[in-house]
Protein backbone atom coordinates (compact mmCIF):
# COMPACT_ATOMS: atom_id res chain seq x y z
CA MET A 1 -0.06 0.11 0.00
CA THR A 2 1.26 3.45 -0.83
CA THR A 3 1.76 5.69 1.96
CA PRO A 4 2.50 9.43 1.96
CA PHE A 5 6.05 9.86 2.09
CA GLU A 6 7.86 13.16 1.74
CA PRO A 7 11.67 12.57 1.21
CA GLN A 8 14.38 14.49 2.60
CA ALA A 9 15.53 17.60 0.67
CA SER A 10 19.10 15.93 0.16
CA ALA A 11 17.53 12.69 -1.11
CA PHE A 12 18.25 13.49 -4.75
CA GLY A 13 20.99 15.88 -4.16
CA PRO A 14 20.93 19.60 -3.72
CA ALA A 15 17.87 21.18 -5.39
CA PRO A 16 18.76 23.60 -8.37
CA ARG A 17 18.70 27.25 -7.79
CA GLN A 18 15.82 28.95 -9.21
CA PRO A 19 16.94 31.68 -11.73
CA ALA A 20 16.10 35.24 -11.40
CA ARG A 21 12.82 35.67 -13.33
CA PRO A 22 10.01 38.04 -13.30
CA GLY A 23 6.70 37.36 -11.85
CA ARG A 24 5.64 35.48 -8.75
CA LYS A 25 7.89 32.78 -7.57
CA LEU A 26 6.54 29.25 -7.88
CA GLY A 27 5.16 28.02 -4.40
CA PRO A 28 6.23 24.67 -2.88
CA ILE A 29 4.58 21.50 -3.65
CA ALA A 30 1.59 20.87 -1.51
CA PRO A 31 2.13 18.58 1.51
CA ALA A 32 -0.90 16.29 0.72
CA VAL A 33 0.76 15.22 -2.83
CA SER A 34 1.60 11.53 -2.57
CA SER A 35 5.06 9.97 -3.26
CA SER A 36 4.16 8.52 -6.65
CA HIS A 37 2.74 11.92 -7.42
CA ARG A 38 6.16 13.45 -6.41
CA ALA A 39 8.15 11.02 -8.03
CA TRP A 40 7.30 12.59 -11.64
CA LEU A 41 6.54 16.06 -10.25
CA GLU A 42 9.69 16.95 -8.63
CA PRO A 43 11.81 16.31 -11.79
CA VAL A 44 9.72 18.25 -14.04
CA ARG A 45 9.71 21.31 -11.11
CA ASP A 46 13.77 20.87 -11.04
CA THR A 47 13.98 21.03 -14.88
CA TYR A 48 11.63 23.97 -15.25
CA LEU A 49 13.29 26.12 -12.35
CA ASP A 50 16.73 25.36 -14.17
CA SER A 51 15.40 26.17 -17.70
CA GLY A 52 14.79 29.91 -17.40
CA PHE A 53 11.32 29.83 -18.53
CA THR A 54 8.84 31.98 -16.70
CA LEU A 55 5.37 30.65 -16.03
CA GLY A 56 4.07 33.11 -18.71
CA ASN A 57 6.63 31.48 -21.24
CA LEU A 58 5.91 27.95 -20.59
CA SER A 59 2.11 28.66 -20.37
CA ASP A 60 2.06 29.90 -23.90
CA ARG A 61 4.06 27.07 -25.28
CA VAL A 62 2.08 24.12 -23.50
CA HIS A 63 -1.19 26.10 -24.06
CA LEU A 64 -2.42 26.20 -20.46
CA ALA A 65 -3.22 29.09 -18.29
CA LYS A 66 -0.51 30.30 -16.23
CA SER A 67 -2.62 29.71 -12.86
CA LYS A 68 -3.43 26.16 -14.12
CA LEU A 69 0.19 25.48 -14.84
CA SER A 70 1.29 26.99 -11.57
CA GLU A 71 -1.33 24.52 -9.78
CA LEU A 72 0.15 21.57 -11.85
CA LEU A 73 3.60 22.34 -10.77
CA ARG A 74 2.65 22.68 -7.11
CA GLY A 75 0.51 19.40 -7.20
CA VAL A 76 -2.86 21.31 -6.31
CA GLY A 77 -6.12 20.81 -7.76
CA LEU A 78 -7.19 17.78 -10.11
CA TYR A 79 -4.66 15.61 -11.02
CA PRO A 80 -3.46 16.38 -14.53
CA ARG A 81 -4.29 14.73 -17.81
CA TRP A 82 -1.41 12.95 -19.68
CA GLU A 83 -1.64 15.26 -22.62
CA VAL A 84 -0.93 18.30 -20.47
CA VAL A 85 1.83 16.55 -19.04
CA HIS A 86 3.32 15.32 -22.19
CA ARG A 87 3.33 18.86 -23.76
CA LEU A 88 5.20 20.28 -20.66
CA GLY A 89 7.60 17.38 -20.51
CA ALA A 90 8.28 18.03 -24.38
CA GLU A 91 9.07 21.75 -23.85
CA LEU A 92 11.16 20.79 -21.16
CA ASP A 93 12.91 18.28 -23.26
CA LEU A 94 12.31 15.39 -20.72
CA PRO A 95 12.01 11.79 -21.91
CA SER A 96 8.53 10.78 -22.19
CA TRP A 97 8.42 6.94 -21.49
CA PRO A 98 9.73 7.16 -17.95
CA LEU A 99 7.46 10.48 -17.36
CA HIS A 100 4.40 8.48 -18.62
CA ARG A 101 5.20 5.54 -16.48
CA LEU A 102 5.43 7.44 -13.21
CA TRP A 103 2.39 9.62 -14.22
CA ARG A 104 0.29 6.65 -14.66
CA GLN A 105 1.51 4.88 -11.64
CA ALA A 106 0.56 8.17 -9.71
CA ALA A 107 -2.85 7.98 -11.40
CA LEU A 108 -3.43 4.64 -10.41
CA ASP A 109 -2.52 5.61 -6.79
CA ALA A 110 -4.84 8.42 -6.95
CA GLY A 111 -7.69 6.18 -7.86
CA LYS A 112 -8.00 7.03 -11.37
CA ALA A 113 -9.79 4.32 -13.46
CA PRO A 114 -7.81 2.54 -16.18
CA GLU A 115 -10.30 4.07 -18.70
CA TRP A 116 -9.47 7.50 -17.65
CA ILE A 117 -6.04 6.83 -17.83
CA GLU A 118 -6.27 5.58 -21.53
CA ARG A 119 -8.45 8.33 -22.56
CA SER A 120 -5.95 10.86 -21.14
CA SER A 121 -3.25 8.84 -23.23
CA HIS A 122 -4.70 7.70 -26.63
CA LYS A 123 -3.71 11.02 -28.40
CA THR A 124 -0.12 10.63 -27.60
CA THR A 125 0.44 6.67 -27.91
CA HIS A 126 3.58 7.37 -30.10
CA ALA A 127 5.04 9.39 -27.31
CA THR A 128 4.60 6.68 -24.71
CA ALA A 129 6.26 3.86 -26.72
CA ARG A 130 9.34 2.81 -24.53
CA PRO A 131 12.70 3.88 -26.53
CA ARG A 132 16.18 3.24 -25.38
CA PRO A 133 17.69 4.58 -22.04
CA PRO A 134 21.14 6.17 -21.96
CA LEU A 135 23.62 3.51 -22.24
CA GLU A 136 25.10 4.27 -18.80
CA HIS A 137 21.71 4.15 -17.39
CA ALA A 138 20.90 0.76 -19.04
CA ALA A 139 24.43 -0.59 -17.92
CA LEU A 140 23.68 0.56 -14.24
CA ARG A 141 20.30 -1.20 -14.42
CA GLN A 142 21.53 -4.41 -15.62
CA LEU A 143 24.20 -4.39 -12.93
CA VAL A 144 22.28 -3.69 -10.00
CA GLU A 145 18.60 -4.46 -10.78
CA ALA A 146 18.34 -7.91 -9.33
CA ASP A 147 20.35 -6.73 -6.03
CA TYR A 148 17.68 -3.89 -5.84
CA ARG A 149 14.79 -6.45 -5.87
CA PHE A 150 16.32 -8.32 -3.01
CA TYR A 151 16.33 -5.16 -0.87
CA ALA A 152 12.83 -4.16 -1.55
CA GLN A 153 11.64 -7.58 -1.01
CA ALA A 154 12.54 -7.00 2.65
CA PHE A 155 9.76 -4.48 2.94
CA LEU A 156 7.32 -5.09 0.24
CA SER A 157 5.07 -7.71 -1.38
CA ASP A 158 6.12 -9.36 -4.76
CA GLN A 159 3.87 -7.07 -6.49
CA ASP A 160 4.82 -3.78 -4.81
CA ARG A 161 8.60 -5.01 -5.03
CA ASP A 162 8.38 -5.04 -8.66
CA THR A 163 6.70 -1.67 -9.08
CA ALA A 164 9.02 0.08 -6.88
CA VAL A 165 12.10 -1.09 -8.65
CA LYS A 166 10.62 -0.34 -12.08
CA ASP A 167 9.71 3.14 -10.60
CA THR A 168 13.13 3.69 -9.29
CA PHE A 169 14.68 3.27 -12.66
CA ALA A 170 12.03 5.38 -14.39
CA THR A 171 12.76 8.10 -11.83
CA LEU A 172 16.66 7.73 -12.30
CA TRP A 173 15.98 8.12 -15.99
CA LEU A 174 14.07 11.43 -15.42
CA ARG A 175 16.99 12.72 -13.27
CA TRP A 176 19.67 11.12 -15.25
CA ASP A 177 21.84 14.27 -15.99
CA THR A 178 21.48 15.09 -12.23
CA ALA A 179 22.78 11.60 -11.67
CA LEU A 180 25.74 12.03 -13.90
CA ARG A 181 26.62 15.49 -12.15
CA SER A 182 26.40 13.99 -8.94
CA PRO A 183 29.49 13.07 -6.69
CA ASP A 184 28.61 9.29 -7.13
CA THR A 185 26.22 7.90 -9.29
CA PRO A 186 25.32 4.53 -7.59
CA ALA A 187 24.92 6.56 -4.34
CA PHE A 188 22.55 8.83 -5.98
CA ALA A 189 20.68 5.83 -7.62
CA TRP A 190 20.47 4.17 -4.22
CA SER A 191 18.90 7.41 -2.73
CA ILE A 192 15.98 7.06 -5.35
CA LEU A 193 15.58 3.53 -4.64
CA ARG A 194 15.25 3.74 -0.96
CA THR A 195 13.00 6.67 -1.17
CA THR A 196 10.85 4.70 -3.55
CA VAL A 197 10.71 1.54 -1.32
CA MET A 198 10.14 3.48 1.99
CA ALA A 199 7.20 5.36 0.26
CA ARG A 200 5.37 2.02 -0.53
CA ALA A 201 6.32 0.29 2.70
CA THR A 202 3.90 -0.11 5.61
CA HIS A 203 5.08 2.08 8.33
CA ARG A 204 4.18 1.69 12.20
CA ASP A 205 5.15 4.14 14.71
CA GLY A 206 7.27 5.94 12.08
CA ARG A 207 9.29 2.85 11.12
CA PRO A 208 9.01 0.62 8.04
CA GLU A 209 7.70 -2.74 8.63
CA LEU A 210 9.87 -6.04 7.90
CA GLU A 211 7.00 -8.37 7.98
CA ALA A 212 7.88 -9.83 4.60
CA ALA A 213 11.36 -10.38 5.79
CA VAL A 214 9.97 -11.93 8.77
CA PHE A 215 7.96 -14.44 7.03
CA ASP A 216 10.74 -15.25 4.68
CA THR A 217 13.04 -15.92 7.54
CA VAL A 218 10.51 -18.45 9.27
CA ALA A 219 10.05 -20.21 5.75
CA LEU A 220 14.04 -20.55 5.31
CA GLN A 221 14.06 -22.00 8.97
CA THR A 222 11.09 -24.68 8.29
CA THR A 223 13.38 -26.12 5.69
CA HIS A 224 15.99 -26.97 8.41
CA THR A 225 13.77 -27.24 11.35
CA SER A 226 10.34 -28.79 12.25
CA PRO A 227 7.42 -26.32 11.34
CA ALA A 228 6.47 -26.49 15.30
CA GLY A 229 10.14 -25.14 15.92
CA ALA A 230 10.25 -22.41 13.57
CA ALA A 231 6.86 -21.20 14.91
CA ALA A 232 7.97 -21.28 18.32
CA ARG A 233 10.95 -18.88 17.49
CA MET A 234 8.46 -16.50 15.58
CA PRO A 235 7.91 -14.17 18.62
CA ARG A 236 11.73 -13.60 18.78
CA ILE A 237 12.30 -13.18 15.25
CA VAL A 238 9.58 -10.63 15.27
CA GLU A 239 11.25 -8.64 17.89
CA LEU A 240 14.50 -8.82 16.44
CA PHE A 241 13.29 -7.53 13.18
CA LYS A 242 11.39 -4.83 15.07
CA GLY A 243 14.64 -3.66 16.42
CA ILE A 244 16.38 -3.47 13.11
CA SER A 245 13.49 -1.51 11.54
CA LYS A 246 14.24 1.17 14.36
CA LEU A 247 17.73 1.71 13.27
CA PRO A 248 18.82 4.78 11.59
CA ALA A 249 18.61 4.66 7.60
CA PRO A 250 22.47 3.72 7.04
CA GLN A 251 22.66 1.18 9.79
CA LEU A 252 19.05 -0.36 8.68
CA ASP A 253 20.33 -0.67 5.07
CA ALA A 254 23.49 -2.18 6.12
CA MET A 255 21.70 -4.88 8.18
CA VAL A 256 19.21 -5.71 5.34
CA LEU A 257 21.92 -6.09 2.62
CA LEU A 258 24.42 -7.86 4.87
CA HIS A 259 21.99 -10.07 7.01
CA LEU A 260 19.00 -10.52 4.82
CA CYS A 261 20.11 -10.24 1.27
CA THR A 262 23.59 -11.83 2.56
CA PHE A 263 25.60 -9.66 0.40
CA THR A 264 29.21 -9.10 1.12
CA ALA A 265 30.47 -6.00 2.85
CA GLU A 266 32.02 -5.18 -0.61
CA LYS A 267 28.97 -5.49 -2.57
CA ALA A 268 26.90 -3.48 -0.06
CA SER A 269 29.61 -0.83 -0.28
CA SER A 270 29.20 -0.77 -4.13
CA LEU A 271 25.51 -0.68 -4.16
CA LEU A 272 25.13 2.01 -1.41
CA GLY A 273 28.11 4.03 -3.00
CA VAL A 274 29.81 4.47 0.24
CA PRO A 275 33.29 3.55 1.38
CA LEU A 276 33.54 -0.34 2.76
CA ALA A 277 34.57 1.14 6.18
CA THR A 278 31.41 3.10 6.39
CA VAL A 279 29.32 -0.12 5.92
CA ARG A 280 31.39 -2.07 8.43
CA ALA A 281 30.89 0.63 10.84
CA ASP A 282 27.31 0.91 10.52
CA GLU A 283 26.87 -2.92 10.91
CA ARG A 284 28.99 -2.50 14.14
CA ARG A 285 26.78 0.20 15.53
CA ALA A 286 23.63 -1.59 14.79
CA ILE A 287 24.59 -4.82 16.47
CA ARG A 288 25.69 -2.79 19.33
CA TYR A 289 22.10 -1.59 19.46
CA LEU A 290 20.53 -4.83 18.91
CA GLU A 291 22.56 -6.30 21.52
CA THR A 292 20.83 -3.98 24.20
CA ILE A 293 17.77 -5.64 23.20
CA PHE A 294 18.96 -9.11 22.91
CA PRO A 295 21.94 -9.97 25.23
CA PRO A 296 25.02 -11.21 22.93
CA HIS A 297 24.57 -14.91 24.08
CA HIS A 298 20.87 -14.75 23.19
CA THR A 299 21.04 -12.94 19.96
CA GLU A 300 20.23 -14.68 17.02
CA GLY A 301 21.15 -13.24 13.48
CA PRO A 302 18.40 -12.44 11.18
CA THR A 303 19.31 -14.97 9.05
CA SER A 304 20.10 -17.63 11.38
C-alpha cells in the first residue's frame, strides 16, 4: 500500500537554484501530494526551475493558463491529464516514456480508473512507446536491478517490490543528467531506490515494517527445522526485526543488505555508494544497538 512520504531535501542531491525571473515565485509542492505523484513532479519542477522559462513563457508554449500551470507544478487541484503533462515534458526536453510510467502509476494510486488513464493518453500513444534509455543508465540497471529487488523484498510484497524497482529506474532516467553530475552515481541511484521503497512500505510508529522479511526467514528455517520449532521462534524473530526497523537509515540498510540479502560488505559498499569502512562501521553500530535488546549470548542473527 502506498503511504504518503516526503523525502528529505537531500535525497536526490541539492535542489537546483531558481534563476532570477520576473513574476511571482513558484510555490512549494503541496504537503498532501503523494509519493508516487512527487516521483514525476519533482523532476519536472527542477527542470523548469533550471530552464530559465517564466510561468508565462511556459504557459504559452503548453497552451495552459498560467494559474493552471502553477497548480500543476505545485500538485494542487485535479490530477492532470497526460496530454498536458506530455506537452510540458516535451517543452522541458524530458524523456517521455519514464515520465508517462510515473504519471500512470501516480494516477492509479490516486484512484483514477484505467479507462480514464487510457482516454487521457490515447492521443499521445506514439510518445509513450518505450525508447532506449541512455547507455550508462541501461548498464547500471543491468548491474544492480536484481540486487535492488532483494532489498525491496524485505519491505514489500512481490507486486509492490516490482513496481518500486521499475519506478526507481524510471525516476533515475528522468534525473539522469543530475545523476551524472552527482559525486557518486550509484549513491544517487540508491537514494532513489530507498525513497521509492520506503514510500510504498507499511509504516508503524514512524518505522518501516519488515513483515515480509520475517515470514521469509521463518519459511527458510522451516526447511531446516520442524514447522513447530520455527513457529516457536517466531516471537523472538519478530522482536529482532522490530529492533532492526528502528535503526537509522544507514544502519538499517547495512543490516538488510548484509544479513537479509546476505551480500558481502564489498557488494553492499558498491550498491550504497559508500566506502567499505562505512558499511562495516554501520554494521557494528547496529549490532551494538541490537545487543541492548538481545544480550549477546541470546542474540540470533536475522538469517540464523
